[in-house]
Protein backbone atom coordinates (compact mmCIF):
# COMPACT_ATOMS: atom_id res chain seq x y z
CA MET A 1 75.20 99.94 148.66
CA THR A 2 76.37 97.56 145.95
CA THR A 3 79.92 97.37 144.67
CA ALA A 4 78.75 98.63 141.27
CA THR A 5 76.99 101.64 142.82
CA ALA A 6 80.02 102.54 144.94
CA GLY A 7 82.27 102.30 141.89
CA PHE A 8 79.95 104.53 139.89
CA GLU A 9 79.91 107.20 142.63
CA ALA A 10 83.71 107.07 142.92
CA ARG A 11 84.10 107.52 139.16
CA ASN A 12 81.57 110.37 139.24
CA ARG A 13 83.52 112.15 141.99
CA GLU A 14 86.74 111.65 140.05
CA SER A 15 85.10 113.03 136.92
CA LEU A 16 83.89 116.11 138.81
CA GLY A 17 87.40 116.65 140.16
CA LEU A 18 88.93 116.41 136.71
CA ARG A 19 86.38 118.82 135.28
CA LEU A 20 87.14 121.27 138.09
CA GLN A 21 90.88 120.92 137.42
CA HIS A 22 90.41 121.63 133.73
CA LEU A 23 88.09 124.55 134.47
CA LEU A 24 90.56 126.21 136.86
CA HIS A 25 93.48 125.44 134.54
CA GLY A 26 91.77 127.21 131.66
CA ASN A 27 90.34 130.03 133.81
CA PRO A 28 92.86 130.76 136.60
CA THR A 29 90.96 133.83 137.83
CA LEU A 30 87.77 131.91 138.71
CA GLY A 31 89.13 130.56 141.99
CA PRO A 32 90.43 133.92 143.29
CA LEU A 33 87.22 135.66 142.20
CA ALA A 34 85.13 133.15 144.14
CA VAL A 35 87.32 133.67 147.22
CA LEU A 36 86.96 137.48 146.93
CA ILE A 37 83.16 137.31 146.60
CA LEU A 38 82.86 134.92 149.55
CA ALA A 39 85.18 137.08 151.68
CA VAL A 40 83.22 140.27 150.93
CA GLY A 41 79.95 138.51 151.73
CA ALA A 42 81.25 137.00 154.96
CA PHE A 43 82.80 140.20 156.30
CA SER A 44 79.68 142.19 155.36
CA ILE A 45 77.62 139.81 157.50
CA LEU A 46 80.09 139.95 160.39
CA ASN A 47 80.16 143.76 160.37
CA PRO A 48 77.70 145.86 158.32
CA ARG A 49 80.24 148.70 158.28
CA PHE A 50 82.47 146.65 156.00
CA PHE A 51 80.33 147.20 152.91
CA SER A 52 79.92 150.94 153.53
CA ALA A 53 81.25 153.32 150.88
CA PRO A 54 83.83 154.96 153.20
CA ASN A 55 85.27 151.58 154.22
CA LEU A 56 85.41 150.26 150.66
CA SER A 57 87.17 153.49 149.68
CA LEU A 58 89.72 152.80 152.41
CA VAL A 59 90.25 149.21 151.22
CA LEU A 60 90.90 150.34 147.65
CA ALA A 61 93.28 153.09 148.79
CA GLN A 62 95.21 150.60 150.95
CA VAL A 63 95.39 148.09 148.10
CA THR A 64 96.55 150.54 145.43
CA VAL A 65 100.29 150.62 146.22
CA ILE A 66 100.53 146.84 146.65
CA ALA A 67 98.56 146.29 143.44
CA VAL A 68 100.96 148.44 141.39
CA LEU A 69 103.98 146.66 142.86
CA ALA A 70 102.31 143.28 142.37
CA LEU A 71 101.79 144.12 138.71
CA GLY A 72 105.56 144.31 138.24
CA GLN A 73 105.98 141.16 140.33
CA THR A 74 103.48 139.39 138.06
CA LEU A 75 105.65 140.01 135.00
CA VAL A 76 108.68 138.53 136.78
CA ILE A 77 106.79 135.50 138.12
CA LEU A 78 105.31 134.79 134.68
CA THR A 79 108.89 134.18 133.52
CA ALA A 80 109.42 131.73 136.42
CA GLY A 81 111.47 134.31 138.34
CA ILE A 82 110.98 136.10 141.64
CA ASP A 83 111.73 139.68 142.71
CA LEU A 84 112.56 140.20 146.37
CA SER A 85 113.74 143.77 145.79
CA VAL A 86 110.31 145.21 144.92
CA GLY A 87 109.83 146.99 148.26
CA ALA A 88 113.40 148.30 148.34
CA VAL A 89 113.15 149.71 144.80
CA ALA A 90 109.81 151.38 145.51
CA VAL A 91 110.84 152.95 148.82
CA PHE A 92 114.28 154.03 147.55
CA SER A 93 112.65 155.57 144.46
CA SER A 94 110.22 157.52 146.65
CA ILE A 95 113.11 158.83 148.76
CA LEU A 96 115.05 159.84 145.63
CA MET A 97 112.01 161.67 144.22
CA ALA A 98 111.45 163.51 147.49
CA THR A 99 115.15 164.35 147.88
CA PHE A 100 115.37 165.72 144.33
CA ALA A 101 112.29 167.86 144.92
CA THR A 102 113.35 169.24 148.32
CA LYS A 103 117.08 169.19 149.00
CA ALA A 104 118.04 169.51 145.32
CA GLY A 105 115.29 172.06 144.68
CA MET A 106 114.16 170.46 141.41
CA PRO A 107 110.69 171.13 139.95
CA GLY A 108 108.17 168.37 140.66
CA PRO A 109 108.02 166.98 137.09
CA LEU A 110 111.82 166.74 136.85
CA ALA A 111 112.12 165.09 140.27
CA LEU A 112 109.49 162.52 139.29
CA LEU A 113 111.10 161.88 135.93
CA LEU A 114 114.52 161.25 137.50
CA GLY A 115 112.90 158.99 140.09
CA PHE A 116 111.21 156.99 137.33
CA VAL A 117 114.47 156.71 135.41
CA LEU A 118 116.43 155.51 138.44
CA GLY A 119 113.70 153.06 139.51
CA THR A 120 113.72 151.65 135.98
CA ALA A 121 117.52 151.41 136.13
CA MET A 122 117.30 149.39 139.34
CA GLY A 123 115.00 146.92 137.61
CA ALA A 124 117.35 146.84 134.60
CA LEU A 125 120.25 146.02 136.96
CA ASN A 126 118.33 143.00 138.23
CA GLY A 127 117.66 141.96 134.64
CA PHE A 128 121.30 142.41 133.65
CA LEU A 129 122.54 140.23 136.49
CA VAL A 130 119.98 137.54 135.66
CA THR A 131 120.52 137.49 131.89
CA ARG A 132 124.21 138.40 131.46
CA ILE A 133 125.87 137.14 134.64
CA LYS A 134 123.44 134.18 134.74
CA LEU A 135 122.69 134.49 138.45
CA PRO A 136 119.44 133.03 139.84
CA PRO A 137 116.69 135.68 140.24
CA PHE A 138 116.26 134.79 143.92
CA ILE A 139 119.92 135.47 144.70
CA VAL A 140 120.09 138.60 142.51
CA THR A 141 117.06 140.29 144.03
CA LEU A 142 117.98 139.20 147.55
CA GLY A 143 121.28 141.00 147.08
CA THR A 144 119.79 144.13 145.52
CA LEU A 145 117.14 144.17 148.25
CA THR A 146 119.89 144.72 150.81
CA ILE A 147 121.80 147.15 148.60
CA PHE A 148 118.83 149.39 147.83
CA PHE A 149 117.57 149.46 151.42
CA SER A 150 121.09 150.38 152.57
CA LEU A 151 121.36 153.17 149.99
CA ASN A 152 117.89 154.29 151.03
CA SER A 153 119.11 154.80 154.61
CA VAL A 154 122.22 156.64 153.40
CA VAL A 155 120.35 159.06 151.12
CA SER A 156 117.48 159.72 153.53
CA LYS A 157 119.62 159.69 156.69
CA SER A 158 116.61 157.80 158.12
CA GLU A 159 114.55 160.99 157.99
CA THR A 160 111.04 161.30 156.61
CA VAL A 161 110.35 164.02 154.02
CA ARG A 162 107.00 165.68 154.66
CA GLY A 163 104.55 166.12 151.82
CA SER A 164 104.10 169.79 152.73
CA ASP A 165 107.77 170.36 151.84
CA MET A 166 107.36 168.90 148.35
CA PRO A 167 105.72 170.30 145.22
CA SER A 168 102.02 169.45 145.06
CA LEU A 169 102.60 167.14 142.09
CA MET A 170 104.52 164.75 144.34
CA THR A 171 101.48 164.07 146.53
CA TRP A 172 98.86 164.46 143.77
CA THR A 173 98.25 160.69 143.58
CA GLY A 174 96.72 160.83 147.06
CA THR A 175 94.09 163.42 146.04
CA THR A 176 90.58 161.98 146.21
CA ILE A 177 87.60 162.32 143.87
CA PRO A 178 84.21 162.04 145.64
CA ILE A 179 81.75 159.73 143.89
CA GLY A 180 78.70 159.75 146.09
CA GLY A 181 79.88 158.34 149.41
CA PHE A 182 82.82 156.65 147.69
CA ARG A 183 86.18 158.40 147.41
CA LEU A 184 88.55 157.42 144.62
CA THR A 185 92.17 158.57 144.59
CA TYR A 186 94.12 159.50 141.48
CA GLY A 187 96.60 156.84 142.50
CA SER A 188 93.86 154.20 142.21
CA ILE A 189 92.95 155.51 138.76
CA ILE A 190 96.60 155.23 137.68
CA MET A 191 96.69 151.69 139.07
CA LEU A 192 93.58 150.63 137.12
CA LEU A 193 94.93 152.18 133.90
CA LEU A 194 98.21 150.28 134.34
CA PHE A 195 96.35 147.01 134.79
CA ALA A 196 94.32 147.71 131.65
CA LEU A 197 97.51 148.49 129.70
CA PHE A 198 99.29 145.28 130.75
CA PHE A 199 96.15 143.20 130.29
CA TYR A 200 96.31 144.26 126.65
CA ALA A 201 100.11 143.94 126.40
CA LEU A 202 100.21 140.40 127.77
CA GLY A 203 97.18 139.17 125.87
CA SER A 204 97.42 140.91 122.51
CA THR A 205 101.07 141.63 121.71
CA ALA A 206 104.03 139.53 120.59
CA TRP A 207 105.92 140.69 123.68
CA GLY A 208 103.21 139.25 125.94
CA LYS A 209 103.23 135.92 124.13
CA HIS A 210 107.02 135.79 124.43
CA VAL A 211 106.79 136.45 128.19
CA TYR A 212 104.44 133.49 128.64
CA ALA A 213 106.51 131.26 126.36
CA THR A 214 109.72 132.10 128.23
CA GLY A 215 108.14 131.29 131.58
CA ASP A 216 106.50 128.10 130.37
CA ASP A 217 109.67 126.56 128.90
CA ILE A 218 112.65 128.83 128.35
CA GLU A 219 114.61 126.29 126.31
CA ALA A 220 111.67 125.56 123.99
CA ALA A 221 111.11 129.31 123.59
CA ARG A 222 114.76 129.81 122.67
CA LEU A 223 114.64 127.01 120.11
CA ALA A 224 111.50 128.61 118.65
CA GLY A 225 113.51 131.75 117.90
CA ILE A 226 112.50 133.87 120.88
CA ARG A 227 115.37 135.95 122.27
CA THR A 228 114.71 134.90 125.83
CA ASN A 229 117.46 137.01 127.41
CA ARG A 230 116.02 140.12 125.78
CA VAL A 231 112.54 139.17 127.03
CA LEU A 232 113.82 138.66 130.58
CA LEU A 233 115.74 141.95 130.54
CA SER A 234 112.64 143.79 129.31
CA VAL A 235 110.52 142.19 132.04
CA TYR A 236 112.83 143.19 134.91
CA THR A 237 113.27 146.68 133.45
CA THR A 238 109.52 147.15 133.06
CA ALA A 239 109.00 145.87 136.59
CA GLY A 240 111.45 148.51 137.86
CA ALA A 241 109.48 151.22 136.05
CA LEU A 242 106.27 149.97 137.68
CA TYR A 243 107.91 150.00 141.11
CA ALA A 244 108.88 153.63 140.48
CA VAL A 245 105.26 154.48 139.64
CA GLY A 246 104.32 152.66 142.85
CA ALA A 247 106.76 154.95 144.67
CA TRP A 248 104.87 158.00 143.41
CA VAL A 249 101.57 156.45 144.50
CA LEU A 250 103.16 155.66 147.87
CA ILE A 251 104.15 159.29 148.42
CA GLY A 252 100.56 160.35 147.73
CA ARG A 253 99.18 157.66 149.98
CA LEU A 254 101.38 158.63 152.96
CA ALA A 255 101.58 162.36 152.14
CA SER A 256 105.29 161.91 152.81
CA ALA A 257 108.34 159.92 151.75
CA SER A 258 109.45 157.65 154.57
CA PRO A 259 112.51 155.37 154.52
CA ASN A 260 110.93 153.19 157.22
CA VAL A 261 108.06 151.70 155.23
CA GLY A 262 107.92 148.83 152.76
CA THR A 263 109.22 145.99 154.91
CA ASP A 264 106.16 143.88 153.99
CA TYR A 265 105.86 144.94 150.35
CA ASN A 266 107.89 142.01 149.03
CA LEU A 267 105.71 139.44 150.75
CA ASP A 268 102.48 141.31 150.00
CA SER A 269 103.26 141.61 146.28
CA ILE A 270 104.11 137.92 145.98
CA THR A 271 101.02 137.03 148.00
CA ALA A 272 98.78 139.05 145.68
CA VAL A 273 100.25 137.33 142.60
CA VAL A 274 99.95 133.83 144.09
CA LEU A 275 96.41 134.40 145.39
CA GLY A 276 95.54 135.71 141.93
CA GLY A 277 96.18 132.30 140.41
CA ALA A 278 99.63 132.83 138.87
CA SER A 279 102.00 129.88 139.02
CA LEU A 280 105.36 130.30 140.75
CA PHE A 281 106.72 127.94 138.10
CA GLY A 282 105.97 130.50 135.37
CA GLY A 283 103.89 130.56 132.22
CA ARG A 284 100.43 130.75 133.84
CA GLY A 285 98.50 133.64 135.34
CA GLY A 286 97.43 137.15 134.44
CA VAL A 287 97.10 140.70 135.67
CA ILE A 288 93.36 140.47 136.40
CA GLY A 289 94.08 137.64 138.80
CA THR A 290 96.77 139.75 140.46
CA LEU A 291 94.33 142.62 140.95
CA ILE A 292 91.85 140.21 142.50
CA GLY A 293 94.63 138.78 144.68
CA ALA A 294 95.58 142.25 145.93
CA LEU A 295 91.93 142.93 146.72
CA ILE A 296 91.70 139.63 148.62
CA VAL A 297 94.65 140.69 150.80
CA GLY A 298 93.09 144.10 151.42
CA VAL A 299 89.62 142.68 152.12
CA PHE A 300 90.91 140.08 154.56
CA ARG A 301 93.06 142.53 156.49
CA ASN A 302 90.33 145.15 156.68
CA GLY A 303 87.57 142.65 157.43
CA LEU A 304 89.53 140.90 160.16
CA GLN A 305 90.43 144.26 161.69
CA LEU A 306 86.77 145.29 161.79
CA ALA A 307 85.97 141.91 163.34
CA GLY A 308 88.41 142.69 166.15
CA VAL A 309 90.98 140.04 165.21
CA GLU A 310 94.50 140.76 166.46
CA VAL A 311 97.16 141.73 163.91
CA VAL A 312 99.16 138.54 164.49
CA TRP A 313 96.14 136.42 163.52
CA GLN A 314 95.51 138.59 160.48
CA GLY A 315 98.98 137.63 159.26
CA PHE A 316 98.23 134.00 160.10
CA ALA A 317 95.12 134.10 157.90
CA ILE A 318 97.00 135.62 154.95
CA GLY A 319 99.79 133.05 155.29
CA LEU A 320 97.24 130.24 155.36
CA LEU A 321 95.65 131.62 152.20
CA VAL A 322 99.04 131.58 150.46
CA LEU A 323 99.64 127.94 151.40
CA ILE A 324 96.20 126.98 150.12
CA ALA A 325 96.76 128.92 146.89
CA VAL A 326 100.14 127.25 146.22
CA SER A 327 98.69 123.81 147.00
CA LEU A 328 95.82 124.51 144.61
CA ASP A 329 98.32 125.58 141.94
CA GLN A 330 100.22 122.31 142.33
CA TRP A 331 96.96 120.40 141.91
CA ILE A 332 95.93 122.41 138.86
CA ARG A 333 99.34 121.97 137.21
CA LYS A 334 98.77 118.22 137.06
CA VAL A 335 96.33 118.87 134.23
CA LYS A 336 97.94 118.64 130.81
CA SER A 337 96.51 121.20 128.43
C-alpha cells in the first residue's frame, strides 16, 4: 500500500467519523433506537418467548413507572440539573395517596388530588432551593431524597397498604385492556399520553425553547431576556407533578402502596434519560429518546432474565450501557453545531 493510498483511507475514515458525529448530534434518538432494535432482535433469537405478546406486555408494564419518572428527570437534566429525589417523591406520594384514602377515609378522587398537590409541592421545594437559595441541584435533591424517604417511613410506619383496602380508582391504572394476545394497562396509556404532551411542549412552545436555552447556556439565556429562575422553578415543579402521577401508576402496578420500593428508581430514571441520548450537561435530548431509553432498560433486564443471566450481571450490563452512552455523548458534544 502506497503512502498516498494509506493517507486517503485515513482521511476517508475520519470523514465517516465526522459525518456520524454530525448525524448523531442532529438526531440524538438514532443511536438509542438502533440499540433498542438490535437488543430486541438479539433477545428474540436467544429465546423465542421474548417476542411473544404476553412477554412484551410484561416489558411495557414494567417500564411504565420508570418511563413516567424518567420524563420528569428529562426536564431537569435538560436544564443541566439532576434530581436524586425522584424515587423518594414518587414513593412518598403513593403512601400519602393510600393513607388519605384509607386511614383518613377520603374519597378516591380527593385522595389522588391531594397526593398530586403534595407531590408537586415536593418538586417545587427542590426548585425553590435551587433558584432562591442557589444550592446545587445535586446537593438539594440528595438532601430531599433523605427527607422524603424518612417522612415516608414515619407516615407509613413501614407498613404496606393493600389495594383491596383502597377505592378502586387508586388501583385503576393497573387495569389491563386485552388487544389480541397483548395486554395494555391504563397506566401505560397515561404514560404515552404524557410523553406526547411533553413532546409537543418542548418542541412547539416558548416554554420548551426556554428550557433548552437555559440548559445550553444559562447566562446567555438570561442575557437574552429569559427569566431562567422562573424556568428552573417551573421545571422542578412540573417534575414533581410527574412523579406524583408516577406514584398513581405505581399503586396500580403493585396493587398496593409499599414504603419499601423505589430504591432503584433514581438510578433507573437517570439511566433511561442518558441511554435516550440526553446530555448530562444540559440543552440536548428529548422525551422520545427517554422513552426509548426506558424501553432499552426494560428489554435488557427482561431479555437477560429469560436468558438465565443472574441479577448481578443484569445490573452489570445496564451499568456498562450507561458508561458507553455517556462516553458517546462526550464524543458527540465535540461537534460544533
